[in-house]
Protein backbone atom coordinates (compact mmCIF):
# COMPACT_ATOMS: atom_id res chain seq x y z
CA MET A 1 -206.92 -22.15 -67.60
CA ARG A 2 -208.76 -23.93 -70.37
CA LEU A 3 -212.13 -22.27 -70.03
CA TYR A 4 -210.82 -18.86 -68.97
CA PRO A 5 -207.30 -18.49 -70.35
CA HIS A 6 -205.11 -15.53 -69.64
CA PRO A 7 -204.71 -13.90 -72.10
CA PRO A 8 -207.73 -14.94 -74.20
CA VAL A 9 -206.07 -13.85 -77.42
CA LEU A 10 -202.45 -14.07 -78.68
CA ILE A 11 -201.05 -11.77 -81.30
CA ARG A 12 -198.12 -12.62 -83.50
CA ARG A 13 -196.61 -10.80 -86.43
CA ALA A 14 -195.72 -12.67 -89.59
CA GLN A 15 -191.99 -12.35 -90.37
CA VAL A 16 -192.45 -13.56 -93.97
CA ALA A 17 -195.35 -13.95 -96.45
CA ASP A 18 -197.04 -17.34 -96.15
CA THR A 19 -200.11 -19.27 -97.07
CA LEU A 20 -201.92 -21.01 -94.18
CA PRO A 21 -204.13 -24.13 -94.40
CA GLY A 22 -207.37 -23.21 -96.05
CA ASN A 23 -205.47 -20.99 -98.55
CA TYR A 24 -205.35 -17.99 -96.18
CA LYS A 25 -202.67 -15.53 -97.39
CA VAL A 26 -200.61 -13.80 -94.75
CA ASN A 27 -198.37 -10.87 -95.68
CA ALA A 28 -195.00 -10.18 -94.10
CA GLY A 29 -195.58 -7.79 -91.18
CA GLN A 30 -199.24 -8.72 -90.83
CA ASP A 31 -200.60 -9.25 -87.32
CA ILE A 32 -202.20 -12.59 -86.67
CA MET A 33 -204.67 -12.99 -83.78
CA ILE A 34 -204.99 -16.45 -82.25
CA SER A 35 -208.11 -16.85 -80.12
CA VAL A 36 -207.00 -19.13 -77.25
CA TYR A 37 -210.46 -18.71 -75.75
CA ASN A 38 -212.12 -20.18 -78.87
CA ILE A 39 -209.54 -22.98 -79.33
CA HIS A 40 -210.07 -24.01 -75.71
CA ARG A 41 -213.84 -24.20 -76.21
CA SER A 42 -213.94 -25.69 -79.66
CA LEU A 43 -216.03 -28.80 -80.17
CA GLN A 44 -213.69 -29.69 -83.00
CA VAL A 45 -210.89 -30.38 -80.55
CA TRP A 46 -212.56 -30.97 -77.17
CA GLU A 47 -215.40 -33.27 -76.22
CA GLN A 48 -217.90 -31.43 -74.05
CA ALA A 49 -215.87 -28.31 -74.70
CA GLU A 50 -217.96 -25.98 -72.53
CA GLU A 51 -217.81 -28.37 -69.55
CA PHE A 52 -215.34 -28.13 -66.64
CA ILE A 53 -214.04 -31.71 -66.51
CA PRO A 54 -210.81 -31.95 -64.45
CA GLU A 55 -210.48 -35.56 -65.24
CA ARG A 56 -209.65 -34.76 -68.89
CA PHE A 57 -206.10 -34.07 -67.61
CA ASP A 58 -205.15 -37.27 -65.84
CA LEU A 59 -203.10 -36.70 -62.68
CA GLU A 60 -200.90 -39.67 -63.60
CA GLY A 61 -200.12 -38.27 -67.10
CA PRO A 62 -197.94 -35.38 -68.07
CA VAL A 63 -198.78 -31.79 -67.22
CA PRO A 64 -200.78 -30.59 -70.21
CA ASN A 65 -199.04 -28.22 -72.52
CA GLU A 66 -198.96 -27.29 -76.19
CA SER A 67 -196.79 -30.21 -77.21
CA ASN A 68 -198.60 -33.11 -75.61
CA THR A 69 -202.10 -31.71 -76.61
CA ASP A 70 -201.13 -30.98 -80.24
CA PHE A 71 -201.59 -27.24 -79.50
CA ARG A 72 -205.16 -27.69 -78.35
CA PHE A 73 -204.22 -26.40 -74.86
CA ILE A 74 -202.11 -23.23 -75.08
CA PRO A 75 -202.76 -21.05 -72.01
CA PHE A 76 -199.13 -19.90 -72.12
CA SER A 77 -198.82 -19.82 -75.91
CA GLY A 78 -196.33 -22.26 -77.49
CA GLY A 79 -193.10 -22.58 -79.47
CA PRO A 80 -190.23 -20.07 -79.17
CA ARG A 81 -192.48 -17.23 -77.96
CA LYS A 82 -194.05 -19.30 -75.15
CA CYS A 83 -194.23 -17.64 -71.72
CA VAL A 84 -190.90 -18.34 -69.98
CA GLY A 85 -192.57 -18.40 -66.57
CA ASP A 86 -195.21 -21.01 -67.38
CA GLN A 87 -193.97 -23.75 -65.03
CA PHE A 88 -193.39 -21.25 -62.22
CA ALA A 89 -196.92 -19.87 -62.66
CA LEU A 90 -198.40 -23.33 -62.57
CA LEU A 91 -196.49 -24.43 -59.47
CA GLU A 92 -197.19 -21.11 -57.74
CA ALA A 93 -200.96 -21.53 -58.42
CA ILE A 94 -200.99 -25.17 -57.22
CA VAL A 95 -199.20 -24.31 -53.98
CA ALA A 96 -201.40 -21.29 -53.28
CA LEU A 97 -204.60 -23.26 -54.07
CA ALA A 98 -203.46 -26.18 -51.88
CA ILE A 99 -202.79 -23.86 -48.93
CA PHE A 100 -206.16 -22.08 -49.31
CA LEU A 101 -208.09 -25.29 -49.65
CA GLN A 102 -206.31 -26.91 -46.74
CA HIS A 103 -207.22 -23.99 -44.36
CA LEU A 104 -210.49 -22.50 -45.73
CA ASN A 105 -213.93 -23.52 -46.92
CA PHE A 106 -215.31 -21.47 -49.86
CA GLU A 107 -218.99 -20.97 -50.52
CA LEU A 108 -220.37 -18.91 -53.36
CA VAL A 109 -222.62 -16.07 -52.14
CA PRO A 110 -226.08 -16.91 -53.48
CA ASN A 111 -228.19 -14.86 -55.90
CA GLN A 112 -225.41 -12.88 -57.46
CA THR A 113 -225.12 -12.19 -61.19
CA ILE A 114 -221.75 -13.22 -62.35
CA GLY A 115 -220.86 -11.28 -65.49
CA MET A 116 -217.67 -11.79 -67.46
CA THR A 117 -215.71 -9.24 -69.45
CA THR A 118 -212.77 -9.61 -71.82
CA GLY A 119 -209.82 -7.35 -72.34
CA ALA A 120 -206.21 -8.23 -71.93
CA THR A 121 -207.57 -10.88 -69.49
CA ILE A 122 -210.95 -12.44 -68.78
CA HIS A 123 -212.35 -11.42 -65.50
CA THR A 124 -215.60 -10.96 -63.58
CA THR A 125 -217.36 -7.66 -64.23
CA ASN A 126 -218.31 -6.97 -60.64
CA GLY A 127 -216.21 -9.47 -58.69
CA LEU A 128 -217.01 -12.94 -57.41
CA TYR A 129 -218.27 -12.90 -53.79
CA MET A 130 -217.54 -15.92 -51.65
CA LYS A 131 -218.15 -16.74 -47.96
CA LEU A 132 -214.93 -18.04 -46.37
CA SER A 133 -214.80 -20.06 -43.19
CA GLN A 134 -211.96 -21.67 -41.29
CA ARG A 135 -211.62 -25.35 -42.10
CA LYS A 136 -211.12 -27.80 -39.19
CA LEU A 137 -207.93 -29.71 -39.82
CA THR A 138 -208.21 -33.49 -39.43
CA PRO A 139 -205.17 -35.43 -38.17
CA GLU A 140 -204.21 -36.49 -41.61
CA LEU A 141 -204.11 -32.93 -42.80
CA VAL A 142 -201.86 -31.71 -39.87
CA SER A 143 -198.18 -31.76 -40.64
CA PRO A 144 -195.20 -29.97 -39.08
CA ALA A 145 -195.68 -27.10 -41.61
CA THR A 146 -199.40 -26.60 -40.76
CA SER A 147 -199.16 -27.04 -36.96
CA ARG A 148 -197.01 -23.89 -36.42
């Protein structure tokens, strides 16, 4: 969500005229585009900004959001116009990913060119091909829910 945010750009319309830091003038009614993609990859706000480092969000700490990252991490926007389904989306993704990883092994098909394209979302140009195989469950992974 940091490296490939959906959507990569947020658009807001100024309700009143204002002057932003850097002496940028904004007129009432003017559209303002916020590049989430560039903020999330900025070396000014992230060390090793282009690297996928899951440990940068400690599991013992709070779930990262706009407030506790000083608006450096805004995959769901922030403030009063923030996505109302952000917590549901995160939990849904975590549960789905946990189930997939518990039951399947994923292997990237070799020698494919993975192109990216941007529109309303960021996605692969021609898909991302993976080989899936059934994962053998070890006793510690078997629970009443998985043994049905």
